[in-house]
């Protein structure tokens, strides 16, 4: 039971931590400009904000026998 709770917390923590680590890696290790690195981290999140409600609406309104 505790493993299930820990797994959810691990994913939530990673979701908040990974973008910051990625920004640090892109700017310091790879030498990418800060603005471009921020844009690269922002784009997938912005895509989710736009597409997830549409996908949710489609899945909620789909009627199948399965």
C-alpha atoms as a PDB file:
ATOM      1  CA  UNK A   1       0.000   0.000   0.000  1.00  0.00           C
ATOM      2  CA  UNK A   2       2.768   2.455   0.857  1.00  0.00           C
ATOM      3  CA  UNK A   3       4.561   1.724  -2.404  1.00  0.00           C
ATOM      4  CA  UNK A   4       1.520   2.976  -4.315  1.00  0.00           C
ATOM      5  CA  UNK A   5       1.506   6.240  -2.415  1.00  0.00           C
ATOM      6  CA  UNK A   6       5.244   6.617  -2.840  1.00  0.00           C
ATOM      7  CA  UNK A   7       4.999   6.047  -6.593  1.00  0.00           C
ATOM      8  CA  UNK A   8       2.445   8.816  -6.999  1.00  0.00           C
ATOM      9  CA  UNK A   9       4.546  11.183  -4.949  1.00  0.00           C
ATOM     10  CA  UNK A  10       7.659  10.284  -6.933  1.00  0.00           C
ATOM     11  CA  UNK A  11       5.970  11.125 -10.226  1.00  0.00           C
ATOM     12  CA  UNK A  12       4.582  14.391  -8.870  1.00  0.00           C
ATOM     13  CA  UNK A  13       7.988  15.376  -7.540  1.00  0.00           C
ATOM     14  CA  UNK A  14       9.692  14.493 -10.808  1.00  0.00           C
ATOM     15  CA  UNK A  15       7.168  16.545 -12.768  1.00  0.00           C
ATOM     16  CA  UNK A  16       8.174  19.617 -10.788  1.00  0.00           C
ATOM     17  CA  UNK A  17      11.915  18.914 -10.576  1.00  0.00           C
ATOM     18  CA  UNK A  18      12.917  17.667 -14.024  1.00  0.00           C
ATOM     19  CA  UNK A  19      12.283  20.920 -15.939  1.00  0.00           C
ATOM     20  CA  UNK A  20      14.604  22.811 -13.583  1.00  0.00           C
ATOM     21  CA  UNK A  21      17.309  20.192 -13.960  1.00  0.00           C
ATOM     22  CA  UNK A  22      16.837  20.185 -17.710  1.00  0.00           C
ATOM     23  CA  UNK A  23      17.215  23.958 -17.857  1.00  0.00           C
ATOM     24  CA  UNK A  24      20.424  23.770 -15.838  1.00  0.00           C
ATOM     25  CA  UNK A  25      21.808  21.049 -18.108  1.00  0.00           C
ATOM     26  CA  UNK A  26      20.843  22.839 -21.322  1.00  0.00           C
ATOM     27  CA  UNK A  27      22.330  26.170 -20.315  1.00  0.00           C
ATOM     28  CA  UNK A  28      25.442  25.105 -18.373  1.00  0.00           C
ATOM     29  CA  UNK A  29      26.505  21.825 -19.982  1.00  0.00           C
ATOM     30  CA  UNK A  30      25.323  22.310 -23.564  1.00  0.00           C
ATOM     31  CA  UNK A  31      25.666  26.083 -23.778  1.00  0.00           C
ATOM     32  CA  UNK A  32      22.148  26.722 -25.089  1.00  0.00           C
ATOM     33  CA  UNK A  33      20.904  30.282 -24.645  1.00  0.00           C
ATOM     34  CA  UNK A  34      18.643  30.694 -21.612  1.00  0.00           C
ATOM     35  CA  UNK A  35      15.669  31.969 -23.616  1.00  0.00           C
ATOM     36  CA  UNK A  36      15.823  29.066 -26.046  1.00  0.00           C
ATOM     37  CA  UNK A  37      16.233  26.550 -23.213  1.00  0.00           C
ATOM     38  CA  UNK A  38      13.189  28.005 -21.473  1.00  0.00           C
ATOM     39  CA  UNK A  39      11.204  27.769 -24.670  1.00  0.00           C
ATOM     40  CA  UNK A  40      12.241  24.136 -25.141  1.00  0.00           C
ATOM     41  CA  UNK A  41      11.009  23.311 -21.652  1.00  0.00           C
ATOM     42  CA  UNK A  42       7.812  25.360 -22.033  1.00  0.00           C
ATOM     43  CA  UNK A  43       6.626  23.960 -25.376  1.00  0.00           C
ATOM     44  CA  UNK A  44       5.666  20.429 -24.216  1.00  0.00           C
ATOM     45  CA  UNK A  45       3.768  21.868 -21.249  1.00  0.00           C
ATOM     46  CA  UNK A  46       1.971  24.379 -23.457  1.00  0.00           C
ATOM     47  CA  UNK A  47       1.094  21.570 -25.865  1.00  0.00           C
ATOM     48  CA  UNK A  48      -0.439  19.596 -22.965  1.00  0.00           C
ATOM     49  CA  UNK A  49      -2.454  22.621 -21.863  1.00  0.00           C
ATOM     50  CA  UNK A  50      -3.928  22.943 -25.350  1.00  0.00           C
ATOM     51  CA  UNK A  51      -4.431  19.289 -26.281  1.00  0.00           C
ATOM     52  CA  UNK A  52      -5.465  17.609 -23.004  1.00  0.00           C
ATOM     53  CA  UNK A  53      -8.910  19.259 -22.758  1.00  0.00           C
ATOM     54  CA  UNK A  54      -9.647  18.327 -26.363  1.00  0.00           C
ATOM     55  CA  UNK A  55      -8.550  14.727 -25.831  1.00  0.00           C
ATOM     56  CA  UNK A  56     -10.577  14.560 -22.613  1.00  0.00           C
ATOM     57  CA  UNK A  57     -13.692  15.846 -24.318  1.00  0.00           C
ATOM     58  CA  UNK A  58     -13.300  13.351 -27.153  1.00  0.00           C
ATOM     59  CA  UNK A  59     -12.766  10.436 -24.786  1.00  0.00           C
ATOM     60  CA  UNK A  60     -15.683  11.438 -22.544  1.00  0.00           C
ATOM     61  CA  UNK A  61     -18.078  11.690 -25.468  1.00  0.00           C
ATOM     62  CA  UNK A  62     -17.006   8.492 -27.212  1.00  0.00           C
ATOM     63  CA  UNK A  63     -19.668   5.772 -27.069  1.00  0.00           C
ATOM     64  CA  UNK A  64     -18.584   2.239 -27.854  1.00  0.00           C
ATOM     65  CA  UNK A  65     -19.758  -1.160 -26.760  1.00  0.00           C
ATOM     66  CA  UNK A  66     -16.289  -1.889 -25.382  1.00  0.00           C
END
